[in-house]
C-alpha atoms as a PDB file:
ATOM      1  CA  MET A   1     -40.605-107.195  38.131  1.00  0.00           C
ATOM      2  CA  GLU A   2     -38.150-106.181  35.812  1.00  0.00           C
ATOM      3  CA  LYS A   3     -37.758-109.089  33.865  1.00  0.00           C
ATOM      4  CA  PHE A   4     -41.125-108.758  32.734  1.00  0.00           C
ATOM      5  CA  SER A   5     -40.431-105.140  31.641  1.00  0.00           C
ATOM      6  CA  GLN A   6     -40.523-106.346  27.767  1.00  0.00           C
ATOM      7  CA  PHE A   7     -44.069-106.717  28.422  1.00  0.00           C
ATOM      8  CA  ARG A   8     -44.899-103.059  29.269  1.00  0.00           C
ATOM      9  CA  ASP A   9     -46.544-100.785  26.508  1.00  0.00           C
ATOM     10  CA  ARG A  10     -43.230 -98.364  25.574  1.00  0.00           C
ATOM     11  CA  GLY A  11     -45.920 -95.164  25.455  1.00  0.00           C
ATOM     12  CA  SER A  12     -48.141 -95.901  28.242  1.00  0.00           C
ATOM     13  CA  GLY A  13     -45.685 -97.961  30.481  1.00  0.00           C
ATOM     14  CA  ILE A  14     -48.477-100.507  31.003  1.00  0.00           C
ATOM     15  CA  SER A  15     -48.073-103.751  31.837  1.00  0.00           C
ATOM     16  CA  PRO A  16     -52.311-105.173  30.873  1.00  0.00           C
ATOM     17  CA  PHE A  17     -51.382-108.416  31.551  1.00  0.00           C
ATOM     18  CA  MET A  18     -49.673-108.491  34.862  1.00  0.00           C
ATOM     19  CA  PRO A  19     -51.895-109.959  37.308  1.00  0.00           C
ATOM     20  CA  VAL A  20     -53.740-107.798  39.753  1.00  0.00           C
ATOM     21  CA  THR A  21     -53.218-108.322  43.638  1.00  0.00           C
ATOM     22  CA  THR A  22     -54.468-106.715  46.929  1.00  0.00           C
ATOM     23  CA  PRO A  23     -52.535-106.762  50.556  1.00  0.00           C
ATOM     24  CA  SER A  24     -54.503-108.675  53.214  1.00  0.00           C
ATOM     25  CA  SER A  25     -53.829-109.360  56.428  1.00  0.00           C
ATOM     26  CA  LEU A  26     -54.077-112.610  58.733  1.00  0.00           C
ATOM     27  CA  LEU A  27     -57.439-112.206  59.947  1.00  0.00           C
ATOM     28  CA  ALA A  28     -59.118-110.863  56.591  1.00  0.00           C
ATOM     29  CA  THR A  29     -57.656-114.188  54.577  1.00  0.00           C
ATOM     30  CA  VAL A  30     -59.825-116.202  57.821  1.00  0.00           C
ATOM     31  CA  CYS A  31     -62.153-114.361  57.266  1.00  0.00           C
ATOM     32  CA  HIS A  32     -62.169-114.841  53.397  1.00  0.00           C
ATOM     33  CA  ALA A  33     -61.518-118.622  53.467  1.00  0.00           C
ATOM     34  CA  VAL A  34     -64.651-119.020  55.861  1.00  0.00           C
ATOM     35  CA  LEU A  35     -66.701-117.160  52.527  1.00  0.00           C
ATOM     36  CA  PHE A  36     -65.469-119.438  50.401  1.00  0.00           C
ATOM     37  CA  LEU A  37     -65.923-122.631  51.904  1.00  0.00           C
ATOM     38  CA  VAL A  38     -69.612-121.764  52.707  1.00  0.00           C
ATOM     39  CA  ARG A  39     -70.010-120.157  49.141  1.00  0.00           C
ATOM     40  CA  LEU A  40     -68.530-123.144  47.090  1.00  0.00           C
ATOM     41  CA  PRO A  41     -70.985-125.644  47.585  1.00  0.00           C
ATOM     42  CA  PHE A  42     -74.084-122.650  46.795  1.00  0.00           C
ATOM     43  CA  PHE A  43     -72.866-121.544  43.661  1.00  0.00           C
ATOM     44  CA  LEU A  44     -70.803-124.817  42.480  1.00  0.00           C
ATOM     45  CA  THR A  45     -74.254-126.492  42.506  1.00  0.00           C
ATOM     46  CA  TRP A  46     -76.548-124.012  40.916  1.00  0.00           C
ATOM     47  CA  SER A  47     -74.014-122.961  38.485  1.00  0.00           C
ATOM     48  CA  THR A  48     -73.728-127.339  37.541  1.00  0.00           C
ATOM     49  CA  LEU A  49     -77.355-126.980  38.022  1.00  0.00           C
ATOM     50  CA  TYR A  50     -78.109-123.725  35.500  1.00  0.00           C
ATOM     51  CA  PHE A  51     -75.575-124.753  32.378  1.00  0.00           C
ATOM     52  CA  LEU A  52     -76.440-128.418  32.549  1.00  0.00           C
ATOM     53  CA  VAL A  53     -80.563-127.845  33.069  1.00  0.00           C
ATOM     54  CA  LEU A  54     -82.221-124.671  33.033  1.00  0.00           C
ATOM     55  CA  HIS A  55     -79.921-122.782  30.167  1.00  0.00           C
ATOM     56  CA  HIS A  56     -81.343-125.743  27.979  1.00  0.00           C
ATOM     57  CA  LEU A  57     -84.973-125.625  28.994  1.00  0.00           C
ATOM     58  CA  PRO A  58     -86.032-124.548  25.405  1.00  0.00           C
ATOM     59  CA  PHE A  59     -89.722-122.975  27.157  1.00  0.00           C
ATOM     60  CA  LEU A  60     -87.485-120.914  29.400  1.00  0.00           C
ATOM     61  CA  PRO A  61     -88.356-116.997  28.742  1.00  0.00           C
ATOM     62  CA  ALA A  62     -85.231-114.400  28.522  1.00  0.00           C
ATOM     63  CA  VAL A  63     -86.636-113.005  31.599  1.00  0.00           C
ATOM     64  CA  ALA A  64     -86.708-116.032  33.290  1.00  0.00           C
ATOM     65  CA  ARG A  65     -82.795-116.718  32.452  1.00  0.00           C
ATOM     66  CA  LYS A  66     -81.959-113.379  33.343  1.00  0.00           C
ATOM     67  CA  LEU A  67     -83.417-114.395  36.759  1.00  0.00           C
ATOM     68  CA  LEU A  68     -81.846-117.164  37.472  1.00  0.00           C
ATOM     69  CA  LEU A  69     -78.096-115.666  36.256  1.00  0.00           C
ATOM     70  CA  TRP A  70     -78.963-112.220  38.872  1.00  0.00           C
ATOM     71  CA  LEU A  71     -78.754-115.124  41.280  1.00  0.00           C
ATOM     72  CA  LEU A  72     -75.902-116.979  40.390  1.00  0.00           C
ATOM     73  CA  LEU A  73     -74.370-113.236  40.368  1.00  0.00           C
ATOM     74  CA  ALA A  74     -75.195-113.087  44.101  1.00  0.00           C
ATOM     75  CA  ILE A  75     -73.790-115.858  45.735  1.00  0.00           C
ATOM     76  CA  PRO A  76     -70.346-114.774  45.143  1.00  0.00           C
ATOM     77  CA  GLY A  77     -72.020-110.802  46.499  1.00  0.00           C
ATOM     78  CA  THR A  78     -71.161-109.904  42.437  1.00  0.00           C
ATOM     79  CA  TRP A  79     -74.916-107.593  43.627  1.00  0.00           C
ATOM     80  CA  TRP A  80     -74.039-103.678  43.618  1.00  0.00           C
ATOM     81  CA  VAL A  81     -73.603-102.420  39.743  1.00  0.00           C
ATOM     82  CA  ASP A  82     -73.060 -98.462  39.248  1.00  0.00           C
ATOM     83  CA  LEU A  83     -74.624 -98.328  35.810  1.00  0.00           C
ATOM     84  CA  GLN A  84     -74.324 -95.049  33.459  1.00  0.00           C
ATOM     85  CA  LEU A  85     -74.451 -94.192  30.237  1.00  0.00           C
ATOM     86  CA  ASP A  86     -71.792 -91.745  28.731  1.00  0.00           C
ATOM     87  CA  GLY A  87     -72.721 -88.510  28.628  1.00  0.00           C
ATOM     88  CA  VAL A  88     -76.355 -89.019  30.483  1.00  0.00           C
ATOM     89  CA  LYS A  89     -76.519 -87.610  34.026  1.00  0.00           C
ATOM     90  CA  ARG A  90     -77.069 -89.723  36.574  1.00  0.00           C
ATOM     91  CA  GLY A  91     -80.521 -90.104  37.404  1.00  0.00           C
ATOM     92  CA  SER A  92     -82.349 -89.752  34.068  1.00  0.00           C
ATOM     93  CA  LEU A  93     -81.370 -93.215  32.735  1.00  0.00           C
ATOM     94  CA  SER A  94     -84.596 -94.234  32.387  1.00  0.00           C
ATOM     95  CA  GLN A  95     -85.818 -91.114  30.601  1.00  0.00           C
ATOM     96  CA  GLN A  96     -83.372 -92.252  27.522  1.00  0.00           C
ATOM     97  CA  PRO A  97     -84.666 -93.939  24.664  1.00  0.00           C
ATOM     98  CA  ARG A  98     -84.265 -97.263  24.115  1.00  0.00           C
ATOM     99  CA  SER A  99     -81.875 -96.809  20.748  1.00  0.00           C
ATOM    100  CA  ARG A 100     -79.410 -95.708  23.714  1.00  0.00           C
ATOM    101  CA  VAL A 101     -78.727 -98.802  25.185  1.00  0.00           C
ATOM    102  CA  PRO A 102     -77.992-102.389  23.515  1.00  0.00           C
ATOM    103  CA  HIS A 103     -81.199-103.339  21.655  1.00  0.00           C
ATOM    104  CA  PRO A 104     -82.060-105.714  19.454  1.00  0.00           C
ATOM    105  CA  ARG A 105     -79.781-105.742  16.301  1.00  0.00           C
ATOM    106  CA  SER A 106     -77.304-103.784  17.833  1.00  0.00           C
ATOM    107  CA  ILE A 107     -73.509-105.009  18.643  1.00  0.00           C
ATOM    108  CA  ILE A 108     -71.787-104.954  22.103  1.00  0.00           C
ATOM    109  CA  ALA A 109     -67.587-104.448  21.976  1.00  0.00           C
ATOM    110  CA  ALA A 110     -67.098-105.039  25.507  1.00  0.00           C
ATOM    111  CA  ASN A 111     -63.355-105.513  26.561  1.00  0.00           C
ATOM    112  CA  PHE A 112     -62.424-108.522  28.325  1.00  0.00           C
ATOM    113  CA  THR A 113     -60.755-108.920  31.960  1.00  0.00           C
ATOM    114  CA  SER A 114     -62.659-111.171  33.902  1.00  0.00           C
ATOM    115  CA  PRO A 115     -65.381-114.385  33.529  1.00  0.00           C
ATOM    116  CA  ILE A 116     -68.020-112.374  35.071  1.00  0.00           C
ATOM    117  CA  ASP A 117     -68.428-110.153  31.936  1.00  0.00           C
ATOM    118  CA  ALA A 118     -69.903-112.399  29.524  1.00  0.00           C
ATOM    119  CA  LEU A 119     -72.178-113.591  33.097  1.00  0.00           C
ATOM    120  CA  TYR A 120     -73.311-109.894  33.507  1.00  0.00           C
ATOM    121  CA  LEU A 121     -73.865-108.863  30.114  1.00  0.00           C
ATOM    122  CA  ALA A 122     -76.246-112.512  29.700  1.00  0.00           C
ATOM    123  CA  ALA A 123     -78.013-111.512  32.298  1.00  0.00           C
ATOM    124  CA  VAL A 124     -78.869-108.012  31.720  1.00  0.00           C
ATOM    125  CA  PHE A 125     -79.223-108.312  27.724  1.00  0.00           C
ATOM    126  CA  ASP A 126     -78.884-112.218  27.344  1.00  0.00           C
ATOM    127  CA  PRO A 127     -76.667-111.379  24.230  1.00  0.00           C
ATOM    128  CA  ILE A 128     -75.862-114.448  21.243  1.00  0.00           C
ATOM    129  CA  PHE A 129     -72.095-114.323  22.398  1.00  0.00           C
ATOM    130  CA  VAL A 130     -69.197-114.850  19.195  1.00  0.00           C
ATOM    131  CA  ALA A 131     -65.644-115.248  19.532  1.00  0.00           C
ATOM    132  CA  CYS A 132     -62.948-113.746  17.081  1.00  0.00           C
ATOM    133  CA  HIS A 133     -59.373-113.621  16.051  1.00  0.00           C
ATOM    134  CA  PRO A 134     -57.159-110.988  16.217  1.00  0.00           C
ATOM    135  CA  SER A 135     -56.366-110.447  12.452  1.00  0.00           C
ATOM    136  CA  SER A 136     -59.889-112.307  11.063  1.00  0.00           C
ATOM    137  CA  ARG A 137     -62.907-110.238  10.309  1.00  0.00           C
ATOM    138  CA  LYS A 138     -64.564-113.942  10.987  1.00  0.00           C
ATOM    139  CA  VAL A 139     -66.430-114.485  14.204  1.00  0.00           C
ATOM    140  CA  ARG A 140     -67.514-118.206  15.839  1.00  0.00           C
ATOM    141  CA  ARG A 141     -70.606-118.266  17.329  1.00  0.00           C
ATOM    142  CA  ILE A 142     -70.252-120.032  21.062  1.00  0.00           C
ATOM    143  CA  SER A 143     -71.996-120.471  24.261  1.00  0.00           C
ATOM    144  CA  LEU A 144     -72.360-118.292  27.728  1.00  0.00           C
ATOM    145  CA  LEU A 145     -70.833-121.068  28.925  1.00  0.00           C
ATOM    146  CA  ALA A 146     -67.596-120.937  26.835  1.00  0.00           C
ATOM    147  CA  ALA A 147     -67.859-117.149  26.965  1.00  0.00           C
ATOM    148  CA  ILE A 148     -67.100-117.282  30.335  1.00  0.00           C
ATOM    149  CA  CYS A 149     -64.434-120.194  30.099  1.00  0.00           C
ATOM    150  CA  ALA A 150     -62.935-117.784  27.631  1.00  0.00           C
ATOM    151  CA  ALA A 151     -61.790-115.644  30.035  1.00  0.00           C
ATOM    152  CA  LEU A 152     -59.679-118.423  31.575  1.00  0.00           C
ATOM    153  CA  SER A 153     -58.453-120.890  28.513  1.00  0.00           C
ATOM    154  CA  PRO A 154     -55.659-122.312  27.769  1.00  0.00           C
ATOM    155  CA  LEU A 155     -56.087-121.353  24.352  1.00  0.00           C
ATOM    156  CA  SER A 156     -55.886-118.085  24.448  1.00  0.00           C
ATOM    157  CA  SER A 157     -52.368-118.910  25.350  1.00  0.00           C
ATOM    158  CA  SER A 158     -51.476-121.444  22.402  1.00  0.00           C
ATOM    159  CA  ASP A 159     -49.464-122.114  19.259  1.00  0.00           C
ATOM    160  CA  SER A 160     -53.179-123.155  17.772  1.00  0.00           C
ATOM    161  CA  PHE A 161     -55.127-119.748  18.794  1.00  0.00           C
ATOM    162  CA  PHE A 162     -51.762-117.529  16.329  1.00  0.00           C
ATOM    163  CA  ASP A 163     -52.611-119.888  13.547  1.00  0.00           C
ATOM    164  CA  SER A 164     -53.074-117.408  10.310  1.00  0.00           C
ATOM    165  CA  ALA A 165     -56.927-115.710  10.114  1.00  0.00           C
ATOM    166  CA  THR A 166     -57.072-118.811   7.350  1.00  0.00           C
ATOM    167  CA  GLU A 167     -56.232-122.092   9.591  1.00  0.00           C
ATOM    168  CA  TRP A 168     -58.968-120.447  12.384  1.00  0.00           C
ATOM    169  CA  GLU A 169     -61.283-119.952  10.221  1.00  0.00           C
ATOM    170  CA  GLY A 170     -61.798-123.142   8.670  1.00  0.00           C
ATOM    171  CA  SER A 171     -61.096-124.825  12.162  1.00  0.00           C
ATOM    172  CA  LYS A 172     -64.747-125.617  12.365  1.00  0.00           C
ATOM    173  CA  ASN A 173     -68.037-124.393   9.950  1.00  0.00           C
ATOM    174  CA  ASP A 174     -69.737-122.455  12.615  1.00  0.00           C
ATOM    175  CA  VAL A 175     -67.528-118.905  11.422  1.00  0.00           C
ATOM    176  CA  THR A 176     -70.058-116.649  10.430  1.00  0.00           C
ATOM    177  CA  ASP A 177     -69.445-112.642  10.701  1.00  0.00           C
ATOM    178  CA  LEU A 178     -71.688-110.261  12.251  1.00  0.00           C
ATOM    179  CA  ARG A 179     -73.956-109.275   9.573  1.00  0.00           C
ATOM    180  CA  ALA A 180     -74.757-112.722   8.373  1.00  0.00           C
ATOM    181  CA  LEU A 181     -75.093-113.770  12.716  1.00  0.00           C
ATOM    182  CA  LEU A 182     -77.662-110.603  12.520  1.00  0.00           C
ATOM    183  CA  ALA A 183     -79.728-111.565   9.408  1.00  0.00           C
ATOM    184  CA  ARG A 184     -80.441-114.750  10.350  1.00  0.00           C
ATOM    185  CA  HIS A 185     -81.558-113.210  14.349  1.00  0.00           C
ATOM    186  CA  PRO A 186     -82.720-109.918  14.149  1.00  0.00           C
ATOM    187  CA  ASP A 187     -84.228-110.098  17.558  1.00  0.00           C
ATOM    188  CA  ARG A 188     -80.907-110.207  19.365  1.00  0.00           C
ATOM    189  CA  VAL A 189     -78.104-108.347  20.936  1.00  0.00           C
ATOM    190  CA  ILE A 190     -74.396-109.671  19.874  1.00  0.00           C
ATOM    191  CA  ALA A 191     -71.839-109.381  21.718  1.00  0.00           C
ATOM    192  CA  VAL A 192     -68.205-109.837  20.842  1.00  0.00           C
ATOM    193  CA  PHE A 193     -65.098-109.001  22.853  1.00  0.00           C
ATOM    194  CA  PRO A 194     -63.137-107.352  19.907  1.00  0.00           C
ATOM    195  CA  GLU A 195     -59.401-107.650  22.165  1.00  0.00           C
ATOM    196  CA  GLY A 196     -59.630-111.233  21.364  1.00  0.00           C
ATOM    197  CA  GLY A 197     -58.295-112.172  24.914  1.00  0.00           C
ATOM    198  CA  THR A 198     -58.328-110.870  28.491  1.00  0.00           C
ATOM    199  CA  THR A 199     -56.379-107.980  30.516  1.00  0.00           C
ATOM    200  CA  ASN A 200     -56.345-106.910  33.546  1.00  0.00           C
ATOM    201  CA  GLY A 201     -58.086-103.405  32.835  1.00  0.00           C
ATOM    202  CA  LYS A 202     -55.212-100.861  32.744  1.00  0.00           C
ATOM    203  CA  GLY A 203     -55.279-101.238  29.239  1.00  0.00           C
ATOM    204  CA  ILE A 204     -57.144-101.527  25.539  1.00  0.00           C
ATOM    205  CA  LEU A 205     -55.614-103.804  23.001  1.00  0.00           C
ATOM    206  CA  PRO A 206     -55.406-103.087  19.537  1.00  0.00           C
ATOM    207  CA  LEU A 207     -59.432-104.193  17.965  1.00  0.00           C
ATOM    208  CA  SER A 208     -60.401-107.123  16.429  1.00  0.00           C
ATOM    209  CA  PRO A 209     -61.475-106.564  12.807  1.00  0.00           C
ATOM    210  CA  CYS A 210     -64.391-108.474  13.324  1.00  0.00           C
ATOM    211  CA  LEU A 211     -65.912-105.394  13.946  1.00  0.00           C
ATOM    212  CA  LEU A 212     -65.931-103.883  10.200  1.00  0.00           C
ATOM    213  CA  THR A 213     -68.482-106.522   8.886  1.00  0.00           C
ATOM    214  CA  ALA A 214     -71.626-105.168  10.346  1.00  0.00           C
ATOM    215  CA  PRO A 215     -74.098-103.268   8.797  1.00  0.00           C
ATOM    216  CA  ALA A 216     -74.182 -99.687   8.394  1.00  0.00           C
ATOM    217  CA  GLU A 217     -77.175 -99.371   9.675  1.00  0.00           C
ATOM    218  CA  THR A 218     -76.171-101.431  12.818  1.00  0.00           C
ATOM    219  CA  ALA A 219     -75.334 -99.684  16.117  1.00  0.00           C
ATOM    220  CA  ILE A 220     -72.286-101.329  17.883  1.00  0.00           C
ATOM    221  CA  PHE A 221     -72.208 -99.917  21.321  1.00  0.00           C
ATOM    222  CA  PRO A 222     -68.239-100.193  23.792  1.00  0.00           C
ATOM    223  CA  VAL A 223     -69.683-101.301  27.041  1.00  0.00           C
ATOM    224  CA  SER A 224     -66.716-100.862  29.665  1.00  0.00           C
ATOM    225  CA  MET A 225     -67.034-103.282  33.124  1.00  0.00           C
ATOM    226  CA  ARG A 226     -64.618-102.341  35.920  1.00  0.00           C
ATOM    227  CA  TYR A 227     -64.699-104.107  39.207  1.00  0.00           C
ATOM    228  CA  THR A 228     -63.768-103.767  42.907  1.00  0.00           C
ATOM    229  CA  PRO A 229     -61.986-104.594  44.127  1.00  0.00           C
ATOM    230  CA  PRO A 230     -60.210-105.547  40.622  1.00  0.00           C
ATOM    231  CA  ASP A 231     -58.348-108.950  41.806  1.00  0.00           C
ATOM    232  CA  VAL A 232     -61.271-110.398  40.183  1.00  0.00           C
ATOM    233  CA  THR A 233     -59.980-109.098  36.308  1.00  0.00           C
ATOM    234  CA  THR A 234     -57.808-112.962  35.068  1.00  0.00           C
ATOM    235  CA  PRO A 235     -55.292-112.096  32.312  1.00  0.00           C
ATOM    236  CA  VAL A 236     -53.062-114.811  32.873  1.00  0.00           C
ATOM    237  CA  PRO A 237     -54.739-118.337  31.512  1.00  0.00           C
ATOM    238  CA  GLY A 238     -54.880-121.680  32.868  1.00  0.00           C
ATOM    239  CA  TRP A 239     -56.176-123.677  35.420  1.00  0.00           C
ATOM    240  CA  LYS A 240     -54.465-122.050  38.463  1.00  0.00           C
ATOM    241  CA  GLY A 241     -56.101-118.901  37.149  1.00  0.00           C
ATOM    242  CA  TRP A 242     -59.489-120.373  38.009  1.00  0.00           C
ATOM    243  CA  VAL A 243     -58.879-121.321  41.316  1.00  0.00           C
ATOM    244  CA  GLY A 244     -57.295-117.698  42.461  1.00  0.00           C
ATOM    245  CA  PHE A 245     -60.328-116.532  40.020  1.00  0.00           C
ATOM    246  CA  MET A 246     -62.453-118.523  42.662  1.00  0.00           C
ATOM    247  CA  TRP A 247     -60.779-117.919  46.074  1.00  0.00           C
ATOM    248  CA  LYS A 248     -61.036-113.853  44.803  1.00  0.00           C
ATOM    249  CA  LEU A 249     -64.923-114.034  43.876  1.00  0.00           C
ATOM    250  CA  LEU A 250     -66.371-116.567  46.813  1.00  0.00           C
ATOM    251  CA  GLY A 251     -63.573-115.335  49.567  1.00  0.00           C
ATOM    252  CA  ARG A 252     -64.698-111.555  49.207  1.00  0.00           C
ATOM    253  CA  PRO A 253     -68.061-109.857  50.973  1.00  0.00           C
ATOM    254  CA  THR A 254     -69.201-107.733  48.239  1.00  0.00           C
ATOM    255  CA  HIS A 255     -68.278-107.207  44.249  1.00  0.00           C
ATOM    256  CA  CYS A 256     -68.860-103.690  42.605  1.00  0.00           C
ATOM    257  CA  ILE A 257     -69.121-103.922  39.032  1.00  0.00           C
ATOM    258  CA  ARG A 258     -68.603-100.225  37.053  1.00  0.00           C
ATOM    259  CA  VAL A 259     -70.648-100.429  34.194  1.00  0.00           C
ATOM    260  CA  ARG A 260     -70.106 -97.030  31.609  1.00  0.00           C
ATOM    261  CA  ILE A 261     -71.991 -97.656  28.041  1.00  0.00           C
ATOM    262  CA  ALA A 262     -71.142 -95.117  24.734  1.00  0.00           C
ATOM    263  CA  GLU A 263     -73.416 -93.723  22.356  1.00  0.00           C
ATOM    264  CA  GLY A 264     -73.458 -96.740  19.817  1.00  0.00           C
ATOM    265  CA  VAL A 265     -70.778 -95.957  16.613  1.00  0.00           C
ATOM    266  CA  PHE A 266     -72.177 -96.964  13.254  1.00  0.00           C
ATOM    267  CA  ASN A 267     -69.927 -98.564  10.301  1.00  0.00           C
ATOM    268  CA  THR A 268     -69.522 -95.941   8.151  1.00  0.00           C
ATOM    269  CA  THR A 269     -67.084 -97.630   6.138  1.00  0.00           C
ATOM    270  CA  ALA A 270     -69.723-100.501   5.081  1.00  0.00           C
ATOM    271  CA  ALA A 271     -71.865 -98.298   3.899  1.00  0.00           C
ATOM    272  CA  SER A 272     -69.484 -96.014   1.452  1.00  0.00           C
ATOM    273  CA  ASN A 273     -68.568-100.091   0.219  1.00  0.00           C
ATOM    274  CA  GLY A 274     -71.451-100.968  -0.687  1.00  0.00           C
ATOM    275  CA  GLY A 275     -72.256-102.380   2.869  1.00  0.00           C
ATOM    276  CA  ASP A 276     -70.601-105.640   2.389  1.00  0.00           C
ATOM    277  CA  GLY A 277     -68.373-104.747   5.117  1.00  0.00           C
ATOM    278  CA  VAL A 278     -65.107-105.070   3.146  1.00  0.00           C
ATOM    279  CA  SER A 279     -63.460-102.352   1.433  1.00  0.00           C
ATOM    280  CA  ALA A 280     -63.153-102.478  -2.502  1.00  0.00           C
ATOM    281  CA  ALA A 281     -59.036-101.618  -1.772  1.00  0.00           C
ATOM    282  CA  ALA A 282     -58.379-104.889   0.575  1.00  0.00           C
ATOM    283  CA  ALA A 283     -60.918-106.707  -2.252  1.00  0.00           C
ATOM    284  CA  ALA A 284     -57.869-105.576  -4.585  1.00  0.00           C
ATOM    285  CA  ALA A 285     -55.271-106.950  -1.841  1.00  0.00           C
ATOM    286  CA  THR A 286     -56.835-109.976  -2.022  1.00  0.00           C
ATOM    287  CA  ILE A 287     -57.041-110.057  -6.010  1.00  0.00           C
ATOM    288  CA  THR A 288     -53.459-109.205  -6.691  1.00  0.00           C
ATOM    289  CA  GLY A 289     -52.317-111.434  -4.149  1.00  0.00           C
ATOM    290  CA  GLY A 290     -51.042-108.804  -2.134  1.00  0.00           C
ATOM    291  CA  GLY A 291     -50.869-109.358   1.972  1.00  0.00           C
ATOM    292  CA  GLY A 292     -52.068-112.685   2.128  1.00  0.00           C
ATOM    293  CA  ARG A 293     -54.884-111.945   4.172  1.00  0.00           C
ATOM    294  CA  GLY A 294     -55.339-108.692   2.487  1.00  0.00           C
ATOM    295  CA  GLU A 295     -59.129-108.196   2.868  1.00  0.00           C
ATOM    296  CA  ASP A 296     -59.178-108.743   6.940  1.00  0.00           C
ATOM    297  CA  ALA A 297     -56.048-105.862   6.839  1.00  0.00           C
ATOM    298  CA  PRO A 298     -58.295-102.908   7.790  1.00  0.00           C
ATOM    299  CA  THR A 299     -58.283 -99.558   5.297  1.00  0.00           C
ATOM    300  CA  PRO A 300     -57.243 -96.305   6.249  1.00  0.00           C
ATOM    301  CA  GLU A 301     -60.888 -95.490   6.998  1.00  0.00           C
ATOM    302  CA  GLU A 302     -61.586 -98.475   8.530  1.00  0.00           C
ATOM    303  CA  GLN A 303     -58.743 -98.222  11.238  1.00  0.00           C
ATOM    304  CA  LEU A 304     -60.475 -94.801  12.182  1.00  0.00           C
ATOM    305  CA  LEU A 305     -63.603 -96.793  12.798  1.00  0.00           C
ATOM    306  CA  LEU A 306     -61.786 -99.621  15.103  1.00  0.00           C
ATOM    307  CA  ASP A 307     -59.817 -96.018  16.140  1.00  0.00           C
ATOM    308  CA  ARG A 308     -62.917 -94.753  17.503  1.00  0.00           C
ATOM    309  CA  ILE A 309     -64.271 -97.726  19.543  1.00  0.00           C
ATOM    310  CA  GLY A 310     -60.808 -98.382  21.322  1.00  0.00           C
ATOM    311  CA  GLU A 311     -60.977 -94.565  22.223  1.00  0.00           C
ATOM    312  CA  ALA A 312     -64.181 -94.482  23.654  1.00  0.00           C
ATOM    313  CA  LEU A 313     -63.492 -98.305  25.418  1.00  0.00           C
ATOM    314  CA  ALA A 314     -60.477 -96.713  26.945  1.00  0.00           C
ATOM    315  CA  ARG A 315     -62.025 -93.227  27.431  1.00  0.00           C
ATOM    316  CA  LEU A 316     -65.184 -95.111  29.399  1.00  0.00           C
ATOM    317  CA  GLY A 317     -62.778 -97.340  31.500  1.00  0.00           C
ATOM    318  CA  ARG A 318     -60.494 -94.737  32.985  1.00  0.00           C
ATOM    319  CA  VAL A 319     -57.669 -95.936  30.843  1.00  0.00           C
ATOM    320  CA  LYS A 320     -55.284 -95.991  27.743  1.00  0.00           C
ATOM    321  CA  ARG A 321     -54.980 -98.017  24.615  1.00  0.00           C
ATOM    322  CA  VAL A 322     -51.679-100.070  24.200  1.00  0.00           C
ATOM    323  CA  GLY A 323     -49.820-101.341  21.877  1.00  0.00           C
ATOM    324  CA  LEU A 324     -49.443-104.734  22.972  1.00  0.00           C
ATOM    325  CA  THR A 325     -50.998-107.326  21.270  1.00  0.00           C
ATOM    326  CA  LEU A 326     -52.406-111.005  22.074  1.00  0.00           C
ATOM    327  CA  ARG A 327     -48.981-112.469  20.479  1.00  0.00           C
ATOM    328  CA  ASP A 328     -47.316-110.098  23.227  1.00  0.00           C
ATOM    329  CA  LYS A 329     -49.952-112.003  26.058  1.00  0.00           C
ATOM    330  CA  LYS A 330     -48.381-115.139  25.368  1.00  0.00           C
ATOM    331  CA  GLY A 331     -44.771-114.725  25.036  1.00  0.00           C
ATOM    332  CA  PHE A 332     -45.731-113.209  28.900  1.00  0.00           C
ATOM    333  CA  VAL A 333     -47.526-115.825  29.642  1.00  0.00           C
ATOM    334  CA  ALA A 334     -44.529-117.931  28.350  1.00  0.00           C
ATOM    335  CA  LEU A 335     -42.311-116.503  31.130  1.00  0.00           C
ATOM    336  CA  TRP A 336     -44.609-116.026  33.894  1.00  0.00           C
ATOM    337  CA  ALA A 337     -45.236-119.752  34.068  1.00  0.00           C
ATOM    338  CA  LYS A 338     -41.344-120.493  33.972  1.00  0.00           C
ATOM    339  CA  ARG A 339     -41.060-117.450  37.610  1.00  0.00           C
ATOM    340  CA  ARG A 340     -40.010-119.212  40.935  1.00  0.00           C
END
């Protein structure tokens, strides 16, 4: 659409916020409706039972939680997963060391396109999910349900989300950083969506500097998730997005998840700056008052680390990095809501 051309990346021409649509015939729509009506009661019942009761049972082991989540994924036919490690030949995954995949005291940096992202990561790695701000090094721990809802949450397009990082950090008491969270939970994996908001999977947005607080000895694993059909991505938030997502999720016979995991990336900038996750140059900018939030602005060396993770996500997903940000997404969503 011509009026949305301002939200295309100038370098690549990619529009990462445009909803993905797939053509459908009358017969396919009828079959779609039948599957939707059959699956909807089972999906809602199991989701309600899990998130309101089973998820909160203190004696429920992680293995049981993963199995219950796989059952939830199986109801809409999201069971076929094409998993591959970057640089590893097919058929040799079982021969790889445990350190080659996300493991306790490591971080998952995943692209964010759909509510299924968090559900899949929970079913496989049982991580601790955190929310991040596009311009802050701080993160906020959230539940699995909150991570799922964040894919279509109106907060991603509200004015409050784009307040200064200081206001975002002070809005709740559970704000921390990755280093402190890993210290408190050394037996868990941390999952973060560093883009800060969802896209349609056709581009990688600039990454949040929250990854710069990872300890030098902690591996950061870029994880790319893509879907077939791709119309289950949710770049536009709101209740209409939920209706469309549920219709596509429950109405199709199967959904395939293509998962690619890159080699772990280590935060060498933390080691070179005493392991505190904040560079001396950035700290000096804060002391002198330069830039207001100078301690969160990446230095050139730190930006290279973020670029390396972003390039890994783009390579794994066979897409390109874009210069558009969540502020551009806010403008796109506002214009999208006004269309006829």
